[in-house]
Amino acid sequence: MHPIFKQCKMMRIKYIVLSLAFALATPMHAEGLREDKKTPGVQLAQGQRNTEKHAGLQLNDMRKTVEYLASQELGGRFPATRGDTLASDYIVGKLRGLKLKPVVKGKKKTGYFHDFSYGKKGVDGTRQEERTTHNIIAVVPGKDKRLKNEYIVVASHYDHLGLGGEGSGSRRPDTVAVHPGADDNASGDAVVLELARHFKKAGTARSLIFAFFGAEEQGLVGSKQFLEWMKRADKRRINLPDDVKGIVAMVNLDMVGRMRDRAMSISGTGTSSSFKTMVKETAEAHSLNVSCIADGYGPSDHASFVAQDIPVLFLTTGGHMEYHTPADKPATLNYEGMQQTLDFAQELIAQLAAMPQTPDYISVPSSQKMSHAKFKVTLGLMPDVMGASSVPGLRADIVVAGKPAHNAGIRSGDIIQEIDGKPVNDIEEYMVRLSELTAGTTIPVKVLRGEETIVFEVHLTPPVR
């Protein structure tokens, strides 16, 4: 993903305790339990065990996928490198094992590859380097006679920054080292693979296209190339709609591995008239705190689809200090949170695929007018872009030591309620407040820490360019 951007364990512990209790009881009454197949309590216990076992298998599979894709061996998965090839082979192996339909006439794994080339300017601004890589695409055909001709794309991107370095997009450009990309975006790949497994077995009315886009970090290249390909006639193309008009919705998962406080951001909820209600009701059923953003623009592949007037939903658990650095490693991910994202996405996609009417498209102006502003100051903190705080204000997720906010006494977890006497309720207001400030001045910042309201005097400094 391009730049801005604890789970309550009691229920899981409860299920484990129940499972242990029934496991201990079963040997003593094994015959009785087998004979009394209609006993509600026995059926419930078996259902809980089966559900928990299935979720455990999914979680373990996702962990294994992340650990492989984000391993040192794959070298950061930069397009057209050995790591790209190894990642592609792994994903295709999973899709072939599930017996998903390929999209190009060919043998074995090549049928899942949509190849493309792209040029990238060198660091000096003059050299042009061409690379050839691919998107990985597979299809689960729909079961409804009418709706199967409408397709929903479920996607993630599988590439990353390779070894980083100057001009790579790394936030540590002076460090040449493997950027594993565990959250960005091995986490999304792992969830999408499990979604493919689920819907291959469960089926849907509409057809589903599972896409793993390449070269996303180079400017959403893979998703743009896919959509251009879908506009052209190609006799080699199979199991896909006749043209791009057959794609009626897109669900994108990018950086879904760092869930905090059961919170998730979902963009695109205004790009179709039924999306926001569907998202809110599904999130409530899964006890998730979702922050809905109406427009479908943003720094990931869903933006390519919005540009083609296709409604989108973009799921992410947000940014963190390890983003685009060598520290984005598998051990930093919240795998239980990924399971929650998977469960939520399964239900959401199932509802989308079963809608009796084709999702309409609504053009929504970008809400990110301030996202590219050149601020004259920095506080030196990472705000909660999820909007997960239950009280007025914007939580400071991470306050960086040695920066203005930290020097003034603000700490991670504090909720910013005012900057220079003006209210801060969300990320947009926070960016507006920053845009109004000048380096070298000292301004009051009011925060809520627990139940205590504190005002800090923050001396502002210019951001490091």
Protein backbone atom coordinates (compact mmCIF):
# COMPACT_ATOMS: atom_id res chain seq x y z
CA MET A 1 0.00 0.00 0.00
CA HIS A 2 1.12 3.53 -0.74
CA PRO A 3 1.66 6.01 2.17
CA ILE A 4 -0.85 7.73 4.77
CA PHE A 5 -2.42 5.42 6.32
CA LYS A 6 -6.10 -6.23 21.35
CA GLN A 7 -8.22 -8.09 20.79
CA CYS A 8 -10.68 -9.28 23.49
CA LYS A 9 -9.65 -12.92 24.09
CA MET A 10 -12.38 -13.82 26.56
CA MET A 11 -14.69 -15.43 23.98
CA ARG A 12 -11.88 -17.55 22.56
CA ILE A 13 -10.85 -18.62 26.07
CA LYS A 14 -14.48 -19.50 26.81
CA TYR A 15 -14.66 -21.72 23.74
CA ILE A 16 -11.39 -23.43 24.65
CA VAL A 17 -12.62 -24.12 28.19
CA LEU A 18 -15.91 -25.52 26.86
CA SER A 19 -14.08 -27.70 24.36
CA LEU A 20 -11.78 -29.09 27.07
CA ALA A 21 -14.75 -29.78 29.32
CA PHE A 22 -16.59 -31.73 26.62
CA ALA A 23 -13.41 -33.53 25.60
CA LEU A 24 -12.96 -34.75 29.19
CA ALA A 25 -16.60 -35.79 29.45
CA THR A 26 -16.81 -37.67 26.14
CA PRO A 27 -14.87 -40.84 27.04
CA MET A 28 -17.11 -41.45 30.08
CA HIS A 29 -20.34 -41.28 28.02
CA ALA A 30 -19.12 -42.05 24.54
CA GLU A 31 -21.80 -44.60 23.67
CA GLY A 32 -24.60 -42.49 25.04
CA LEU A 33 -23.48 -39.43 23.14
CA ARG A 34 -23.22 -41.33 19.88
CA GLU A 35 -26.67 -42.85 20.23
CA ASP A 36 -28.50 -39.66 21.27
CA LYS A 37 -27.92 -37.79 18.03
CA LYS A 38 -30.83 -35.43 18.56
CA THR A 39 -29.75 -34.11 21.97
CA PRO A 40 -29.48 -30.31 21.51
CA GLY A 41 -26.62 -29.89 23.97
CA VAL A 42 -24.55 -32.56 22.25
CA GLN A 43 -25.21 -31.09 18.82
CA LEU A 44 -24.27 -27.62 20.08
CA ALA A 45 -21.05 -28.90 21.63
CA GLN A 46 -20.09 -30.70 18.42
CA GLY A 47 -20.90 -27.58 16.40
CA GLN A 48 -18.73 -25.44 18.64
CA ARG A 49 -15.86 -27.89 18.35
CA ASN A 50 -16.19 -28.03 14.56
CA THR A 51 -16.41 -24.25 14.23
CA GLU A 52 -13.42 -23.72 16.50
CA LYS A 53 -11.39 -26.38 14.72
CA HIS A 54 -12.19 -24.87 11.31
CA ALA A 55 -11.26 -21.36 12.48
CA GLY A 56 -8.04 -22.73 13.96
CA LEU A 57 -7.13 -24.35 10.65
CA GLN A 58 -7.82 -21.12 8.78
CA LEU A 59 -5.71 -19.10 11.20
CA ASN A 60 -2.81 -21.54 10.96
CA ASP A 61 -2.99 -21.54 7.16
CA MET A 62 -2.96 -17.75 7.08
CA ARG A 63 0.02 -17.67 9.42
CA LYS A 64 1.93 -20.13 7.18
CA THR A 65 1.14 -18.04 4.09
CA VAL A 66 2.38 -14.84 5.72
CA GLU A 67 5.50 -16.51 7.07
CA TYR A 68 6.42 -17.79 3.61
CA LEU A 69 5.56 -14.72 1.54
CA ALA A 70 7.29 -12.42 4.04
CA SER A 71 10.33 -14.67 4.49
CA GLN A 72 13.89 -13.53 3.83
CA GLU A 73 14.07 -16.10 1.03
CA LEU A 74 11.56 -14.13 -1.05
CA GLY A 75 13.59 -10.96 -0.69
CA GLY A 76 10.69 -8.51 -0.46
CA ARG A 77 8.77 -9.73 -3.57
CA PHE A 78 9.87 -6.96 -5.93
CA PRO A 79 8.37 -7.39 -9.44
CA ALA A 80 10.29 -9.58 -11.89
CA THR A 81 12.68 -10.97 -9.27
CA ARG A 82 13.22 -14.46 -7.90
CA GLY A 83 11.04 -13.51 -4.93
CA ASP A 84 8.23 -12.54 -7.29
CA THR A 85 8.51 -15.94 -8.99
CA LEU A 86 8.52 -17.86 -5.72
CA ALA A 87 5.52 -15.92 -4.40
CA SER A 88 3.66 -16.51 -7.66
CA ASP A 89 4.39 -20.24 -7.59
CA TYR A 90 3.12 -20.46 -4.01
CA ILE A 91 -0.15 -18.64 -4.72
CA VAL A 92 -0.80 -20.52 -7.97
CA GLY A 93 -0.13 -23.80 -6.20
CA LYS A 94 -2.86 -22.96 -3.71
CA LEU A 95 -5.33 -21.96 -6.44
CA ARG A 96 -4.64 -25.10 -8.47
CA GLY A 97 -5.04 -27.22 -5.35
CA LEU A 98 -8.49 -25.67 -4.85
CA LYS A 99 -9.32 -26.39 -8.51
CA LEU A 100 -10.25 -22.79 -9.27
CA LYS A 101 -10.72 -21.91 -12.93
CA PRO A 102 -7.79 -20.36 -14.83
CA VAL A 103 -8.25 -17.25 -17.00
CA VAL A 104 -5.83 -17.80 -19.89
CA LYS A 105 -5.71 -20.76 -22.25
CA GLY A 106 -2.59 -22.64 -21.28
CA LYS A 107 -1.19 -25.47 -19.23
CA LYS A 108 -0.80 -25.75 -15.50
CA LYS A 109 0.17 -22.56 -13.67
CA THR A 110 0.46 -20.33 -16.77
CA GLY A 111 -3.32 -20.30 -17.08
CA TYR A 112 -3.53 -18.18 -13.93
CA PHE A 113 -1.05 -15.54 -15.14
CA HIS A 114 -2.06 -12.29 -16.78
CA ASP A 115 1.32 -11.05 -17.96
CA PHE A 116 2.18 -7.40 -18.46
CA SER A 117 5.22 -5.14 -18.81
CA TYR A 118 5.73 -1.69 -17.38
CA GLY A 119 8.40 0.97 -17.46
CA LYS A 120 9.73 2.74 -14.40
CA LYS A 121 11.90 5.83 -14.38
CA GLY A 122 15.26 5.41 -12.71
CA VAL A 123 16.33 7.34 -9.64
CA ASP A 124 18.08 9.92 -11.86
CA GLY A 125 14.79 10.64 -13.63
CA THR A 126 16.11 9.75 -17.10
CA ARG A 127 16.78 6.02 -17.23
CA GLN A 128 13.84 3.82 -18.21
CA GLU A 129 13.69 0.28 -16.90
CA GLU A 130 11.16 -2.20 -18.26
CA ARG A 131 10.00 -5.12 -16.18
CA THR A 132 7.69 -7.99 -17.03
CA THR A 133 5.56 -9.52 -14.30
CA HIS A 134 1.96 -10.64 -13.91
CA ASN A 135 -1.30 -10.63 -12.05
CA ILE A 136 -2.47 -13.97 -10.65
CA ILE A 137 -6.16 -14.53 -11.35
CA ALA A 138 -8.63 -17.38 -10.79
CA VAL A 139 -12.40 -17.73 -10.98
CA VAL A 140 -15.18 -19.43 -9.04
CA PRO A 141 -18.17 -19.51 -11.44
CA GLY A 142 -21.54 -18.47 -10.06
CA LYS A 143 -24.42 -20.90 -9.67
CA ASP A 144 -27.37 -18.70 -10.58
CA LYS A 145 -28.41 -18.91 -14.23
CA ARG A 146 -28.77 -15.13 -14.53
CA LEU A 147 -26.41 -13.71 -11.92
CA LYS A 148 -23.43 -15.90 -12.86
CA ASN A 149 -22.75 -13.47 -15.72
CA GLU A 150 -22.02 -10.74 -13.18
CA TYR A 151 -18.57 -10.87 -11.58
CA ILE A 152 -17.19 -9.58 -8.27
CA VAL A 153 -13.42 -9.11 -7.96
CA VAL A 154 -11.93 -10.07 -4.58
CA ALA A 155 -8.36 -8.84 -4.54
CA SER A 156 -5.09 -8.13 -2.79
CA HIS A 157 -1.64 -7.26 -4.14
CA TYR A 158 1.25 -9.67 -3.68
CA ASP A 159 4.27 -7.51 -4.56
CA HIS A 160 6.35 -5.36 -2.21
CA LEU A 161 9.49 -3.19 -2.11
CA GLY A 162 12.25 -5.77 -2.45
CA LEU A 163 15.42 -4.52 -0.76
CA GLY A 164 14.16 -0.96 -0.43
CA GLY A 165 16.70 1.80 -0.90
CA GLU A 166 16.51 5.27 -2.42
CA GLY A 167 13.45 5.82 -4.62
CA SER A 168 11.80 2.54 -3.64
CA GLY A 169 9.06 3.95 -1.44
CA SER A 170 10.78 2.68 1.70
CA ARG A 171 10.45 4.79 4.81
CA ARG A 172 14.07 3.82 5.54
CA PRO A 173 15.59 4.76 2.16
CA ASP A 174 19.11 4.74 3.60
CA THR A 175 18.75 1.07 4.55
CA VAL A 176 19.21 -1.58 1.85
CA ALA A 177 17.68 -4.69 3.36
CA VAL A 178 14.80 -7.08 2.75
CA HIS A 179 11.45 -5.36 3.26
CA PRO A 180 9.36 -8.45 4.14
CA GLY A 181 5.93 -6.82 3.68
CA ALA A 182 4.15 -9.07 6.18
CA ASP A 183 1.24 -6.69 6.67
CA ASP A 184 1.76 -5.03 3.29
CA ASN A 185 0.46 -7.18 1.83
CA ALA A 186 1.09 -10.82 2.73
CA SER A 187 -1.75 -10.37 5.23
CA GLY A 188 -4.21 -9.53 2.46
CA ASP A 189 -2.95 -12.41 0.29
CA ALA A 190 -3.45 -14.86 3.16
CA VAL A 191 -7.03 -13.73 3.75
CA VAL A 192 -7.93 -13.77 0.04
CA LEU A 193 -6.59 -17.33 -0.31
CA GLU A 194 -8.84 -18.42 2.55
CA LEU A 195 -11.78 -16.60 0.95
CA ALA A 196 -11.10 -18.52 -2.27
CA ARG A 197 -11.08 -21.79 -0.33
CA HIS A 198 -14.36 -20.91 1.38
CA PHE A 199 -16.28 -19.83 -1.72
CA LYS A 200 -15.00 -22.72 -3.83
CA LYS A 201 -16.80 -24.97 -1.35
CA ALA A 202 -19.78 -22.76 -0.47
CA GLY A 203 -20.48 -21.33 -3.92
CA THR A 204 -22.28 -18.08 -4.73
CA ALA A 205 -24.95 -16.83 -7.12
CA ARG A 206 -22.58 -14.42 -8.87
CA SER A 207 -19.16 -15.38 -10.18
CA LEU A 208 -16.09 -14.42 -8.15
CA ILE A 209 -12.73 -13.38 -9.58
CA PHE A 210 -9.87 -13.84 -7.10
CA ALA A 211 -7.04 -11.52 -8.10
CA PHE A 212 -3.54 -11.07 -6.70
CA PHE A 213 -2.25 -7.95 -8.41
CA GLY A 214 1.40 -7.35 -9.24
CA ALA A 215 3.35 -4.07 -9.20
CA GLU A 216 0.88 -2.28 -6.93
CA GLU A 217 3.71 -0.51 -5.16
CA GLN A 218 4.85 0.87 -8.53
CA GLY A 219 1.61 2.82 -8.97
CA LEU A 220 -1.29 0.33 -9.02
CA VAL A 221 0.14 -1.02 -12.28
CA GLY A 222 -1.27 -4.55 -12.13
CA SER A 223 -4.88 -3.56 -11.45
CA LYS A 224 -4.79 -0.89 -14.17
CA GLN A 225 -3.34 -3.40 -16.65
CA PHE A 226 -6.01 -5.95 -15.76
CA LEU A 227 -8.83 -3.48 -16.43
CA GLU A 228 -7.27 -2.40 -19.72
CA TRP A 229 -6.98 -6.07 -20.71
CA MET A 230 -10.67 -6.56 -19.90
CA LYS A 231 -11.55 -3.74 -22.32
CA ARG A 232 -9.83 -5.50 -25.22
CA ALA A 233 -10.88 -8.65 -27.08
CA ASP A 234 -8.51 -11.53 -26.39
CA LYS A 235 -9.18 -15.04 -27.69
CA ARG A 236 -6.89 -16.52 -25.04
CA ARG A 237 -9.08 -15.22 -22.20
CA ILE A 238 -11.38 -17.79 -20.58
CA ASN A 239 -13.79 -17.97 -17.61
CA LEU A 240 -13.99 -14.17 -17.37
CA PRO A 241 -16.73 -11.77 -18.50
CA ASP A 242 -16.74 -10.67 -22.13
CA ASP A 243 -15.60 -7.20 -21.14
CA VAL A 244 -15.06 -4.93 -18.16
CA LYS A 245 -18.80 -4.15 -17.94
CA GLY A 246 -19.34 -7.65 -16.54
CA ILE A 247 -17.49 -6.66 -13.35
CA VAL A 248 -20.14 -5.24 -10.98
CA ALA A 249 -18.14 -4.77 -7.75
CA MET A 250 -14.66 -5.05 -6.26
CA VAL A 251 -13.53 -5.89 -2.72
CA ASN A 252 -9.91 -5.04 -1.92
CA LEU A 253 -7.91 -6.22 1.11
CA ASP A 254 -4.65 -4.40 1.77
CA MET A 255 -2.84 -4.33 5.12
CA VAL A 256 -5.34 -6.27 7.21
CA GLY A 257 -2.87 -7.79 9.68
CA ARG A 258 -2.67 -5.23 12.48
CA MET A 259 -6.18 -5.04 13.92
CA ARG A 260 -6.43 -3.05 17.15
CA ASP A 261 -9.51 -2.77 19.36
CA ARG A 262 -11.55 -4.77 16.81
CA ALA A 263 -11.36 -1.76 14.47
CA MET A 264 -11.26 -1.62 10.69
CA SER A 265 -11.55 1.10 8.07
CA ILE A 266 -13.77 0.47 5.04
CA SER A 267 -13.66 2.84 2.08
CA GLY A 268 -16.14 2.94 -0.78
CA THR A 269 -19.27 2.59 1.34
CA GLY A 270 -20.89 5.38 -0.65
CA THR A 271 -20.02 4.00 -4.11
CA SER A 272 -23.22 1.93 -4.17
CA SER A 273 -26.51 2.70 -2.45
CA SER A 274 -26.70 -0.50 -0.39
CA PHE A 275 -23.05 -0.74 0.69
CA LYS A 276 -23.02 1.32 3.88
CA THR A 277 -26.01 -0.44 5.44
CA MET A 278 -24.60 -3.82 4.45
CA VAL A 279 -21.20 -3.01 5.96
CA LYS A 280 -22.62 -1.58 9.20
CA GLU A 281 -25.01 -4.49 9.81
CA THR A 282 -22.34 -7.10 9.04
CA ALA A 283 -19.82 -5.36 11.29
CA GLU A 284 -22.35 -5.20 14.12
CA ALA A 285 -23.04 -8.93 13.77
CA HIS A 286 -19.30 -9.57 14.14
CA SER A 287 -18.80 -7.03 16.96
CA LEU A 288 -16.37 -4.98 14.87
CA ASN A 289 -15.85 -1.23 15.04
CA VAL A 290 -15.83 0.01 11.46
CA SER A 291 -15.01 3.48 10.20
CA CYS A 292 -16.86 4.04 6.92
CA ILE A 293 -15.39 6.31 4.24
CA ALA A 294 -17.83 7.07 1.44
CA ASP A 295 -15.45 7.52 -1.49
CA GLY A 296 -13.46 4.77 -3.14
CA TYR A 297 -10.24 6.66 -3.80
CA GLY A 298 -7.04 5.83 -1.98
CA PRO A 299 -3.56 4.33 -2.19
CA SER A 300 -4.45 0.80 -3.28
CA ASP A 301 -5.87 -1.19 -6.20
CA HIS A 302 -9.54 -0.39 -5.56
CA ALA A 303 -8.85 3.13 -6.89
CA SER A 304 -8.28 1.64 -10.37
CA PHE A 305 -11.79 0.17 -10.31
CA VAL A 306 -13.48 3.35 -9.09
CA ALA A 307 -11.86 5.11 -12.04
CA GLN A 308 -13.85 2.71 -14.24
CA ASP A 309 -17.15 3.45 -12.42
CA ILE A 310 -17.14 0.14 -10.56
CA PRO A 311 -18.35 0.22 -6.93
CA VAL A 312 -15.73 -0.86 -4.41
CA LEU A 313 -15.14 -1.77 -0.78
CA PHE A 314 -11.61 -1.42 0.61
CA LEU A 315 -10.82 -3.20 3.88
CA THR A 316 -7.76 -2.27 5.94
CA THR A 317 -6.71 -2.29 9.58
CA GLY A 318 -4.51 0.75 9.05
CA GLY A 319 -0.95 1.93 9.25
CA HIS A 320 1.85 1.48 11.79
CA MET A 321 5.46 2.42 12.35
CA GLU A 322 6.75 -0.73 10.61
CA TYR A 323 4.96 0.19 7.35
CA HIS A 324 7.37 0.18 4.38
CA THR A 325 10.36 -0.72 6.54
CA PRO A 326 12.41 -3.90 7.07
CA ALA A 327 10.53 -4.32 10.40
CA ASP A 328 7.19 -5.30 8.76
CA LYS A 329 7.66 -8.94 9.80
CA PRO A 330 5.28 -11.89 10.41
CA ALA A 331 5.77 -11.77 14.19
CA THR A 332 4.19 -8.30 14.34
CA LEU A 333 0.80 -9.41 12.98
CA ASN A 334 -2.42 -10.03 14.89
CA TYR A 335 -3.53 -13.37 13.46
CA GLU A 336 -6.68 -13.55 15.58
CA GLY A 337 -7.57 -10.16 14.11
CA MET A 338 -6.97 -11.56 10.62
CA GLN A 339 -9.42 -14.36 11.45
CA GLN A 340 -12.00 -11.73 12.41
CA THR A 341 -11.36 -9.92 9.13
CA LEU A 342 -11.78 -13.20 7.24
CA ASP A 343 -15.08 -14.01 8.96
CA PHE A 344 -16.38 -10.50 8.29
CA ALA A 345 -15.27 -10.51 4.64
CA GLN A 346 -16.84 -13.93 4.04
CA GLU A 347 -20.25 -12.74 5.11
CA LEU A 348 -19.94 -9.40 3.34
CA ILE A 349 -18.94 -10.98 0.01
CA ALA A 350 -21.66 -13.62 0.34
CA GLN A 351 -24.25 -10.85 0.69
CA LEU A 352 -22.82 -8.93 -2.27
CA ALA A 353 -22.86 -12.04 -4.42
CA ALA A 354 -26.48 -12.81 -3.53
CA MET A 355 -27.99 -9.34 -4.08
CA PRO A 356 -31.01 -9.70 -6.38
CA GLN A 357 -30.22 -6.39 -8.09
CA THR A 358 -26.94 -5.39 -9.72
CA PRO A 359 -25.04 -2.98 -7.42
CA ASP A 360 -25.51 0.56 -8.71
CA TYR A 361 -22.53 2.89 -9.00
CA ILE A 362 -22.49 6.28 -7.29
CA SER A 363 -19.71 8.78 -8.00
CA VAL A 364 -18.44 10.17 -4.69
CA PRO A 365 -15.97 13.09 -4.55
CA SER A 366 -12.73 12.31 -2.76
CA SER A 367 -12.76 13.01 0.96
CA GLN A 368 -8.96 13.07 1.04
CA LYS A 369 -8.47 16.65 -0.10
CA MET A 370 -5.87 17.24 2.59
CA SER A 371 -4.01 13.93 2.25
CA HIS A 372 -1.37 15.33 -0.12
CA ALA A 373 -1.00 18.74 1.50
CA LYS A 374 2.56 19.87 2.16
CA PHE A 375 2.34 20.59 5.87
CA LYS A 376 4.68 23.15 7.31
CA VAL A 377 4.83 21.37 10.69
CA THR A 378 4.77 17.93 12.21
CA LEU A 379 3.71 16.72 15.64
CA GLY A 380 5.62 13.48 15.19
CA LEU A 381 2.81 11.01 15.81
CA MET A 382 0.73 8.46 13.94
CA PRO A 383 -3.00 9.12 14.45
CA ASP A 384 -5.72 6.49 14.54
CA VAL A 385 -7.00 6.57 10.97
CA MET A 386 -9.60 3.93 11.90
CA GLY A 387 -11.46 6.36 14.15
CA ALA A 388 -11.79 3.58 16.75
CA SER A 389 -11.97 5.87 19.79
CA SER A 390 -15.33 5.74 21.56
CA VAL A 391 -14.91 9.28 22.95
CA PRO A 392 -14.67 12.58 21.04
CA GLY A 393 -11.25 13.19 19.57
CA LEU A 394 -8.51 11.43 17.61
CA ARG A 395 -6.29 8.87 19.33
CA ALA A 396 -2.52 9.13 18.92
CA ASP A 397 -1.67 5.48 18.17
CA ILE A 398 2.08 6.03 18.17
CA VAL A 399 4.00 9.08 19.47
CA VAL A 400 7.58 9.13 18.21
CA ALA A 401 10.29 9.83 20.78
CA GLY A 402 12.23 13.02 20.20
CA LYS A 403 9.49 14.66 18.14
CA PRO A 404 7.41 17.72 19.17
CA ALA A 405 4.42 15.87 20.65
CA HIS A 406 6.61 13.50 22.68
CA ASN A 407 8.88 16.31 23.85
CA ALA A 408 5.83 18.17 25.14
CA GLY A 409 4.61 15.15 27.12
CA ILE A 410 1.98 13.60 24.80
CA ARG A 411 2.09 9.80 24.82
CA SER A 412 0.76 6.93 22.71
CA GLY A 413 -2.90 6.31 23.51
CA ASP A 414 -3.68 9.94 24.36
CA ILE A 415 -6.81 11.24 22.61
CA ILE A 416 -6.27 14.60 20.93
CA GLN A 417 -9.37 16.77 21.34
CA GLU A 418 -8.09 20.24 20.45
CA ILE A 419 -5.14 21.74 18.56
CA ASP A 420 -4.50 25.46 19.07
CA GLY A 421 -7.95 25.87 20.59
CA LYS A 422 -9.80 24.27 17.67
CA PRO A 423 -11.63 20.91 17.89
CA VAL A 424 -10.24 17.67 16.46
CA ASN A 425 -12.81 14.92 15.92
CA ASP A 426 -11.33 12.85 13.09
CA ILE A 427 -8.37 12.46 10.75
CA GLU A 428 -9.65 15.08 8.31
CA GLU A 429 -9.98 17.75 11.01
CA TYR A 430 -6.54 16.78 12.31
CA MET A 431 -4.98 17.41 8.88
CA VAL A 432 -6.85 20.71 8.52
CA ARG A 433 -5.48 21.84 11.91
CA LEU A 434 -1.92 20.89 10.89
CA SER A 435 -2.26 22.83 7.64
CA GLU A 436 -3.04 25.99 9.62
CA LEU A 437 0.11 25.88 11.77
CA THR A 438 3.55 27.43 11.35
CA ALA A 439 6.94 26.02 12.33
CA GLY A 440 8.73 27.74 15.20
CA THR A 441 5.56 28.55 17.13
CA THR A 442 4.27 26.98 20.33
CA ILE A 443 0.61 25.97 20.50
CA PRO A 444 -1.67 24.28 23.08
CA VAL A 445 -2.81 20.71 22.42
CA LYS A 446 -5.60 19.35 24.63
CA VAL A 447 -5.68 15.58 25.15
CA LEU A 448 -7.69 13.09 27.14
CA ARG A 449 -5.58 10.55 29.04
CA GLY A 450 -7.83 8.07 30.77
CA GLU A 451 -10.31 10.32 32.57
CA GLU A 452 -7.90 13.24 32.87
CA THR A 453 -7.88 16.21 30.49
CA ILE A 454 -4.39 17.68 29.98
CA VAL A 455 -3.21 20.65 27.92
CA PHE A 456 0.36 20.44 26.60
CA GLU A 457 2.39 23.27 25.08
CA VAL A 458 3.90 21.89 21.88
CA HIS A 459 6.77 23.64 20.11
CA LEU A 460 6.32 23.00 16.37
CA THR A 461 9.10 22.01 14.01
CA PRO A 462 9.05 21.53 10.22
CA PRO A 463 8.67 17.98 8.88
CA VAL A 464 11.72 16.17 7.58
CA ARG A 465 11.52 16.12 3.76
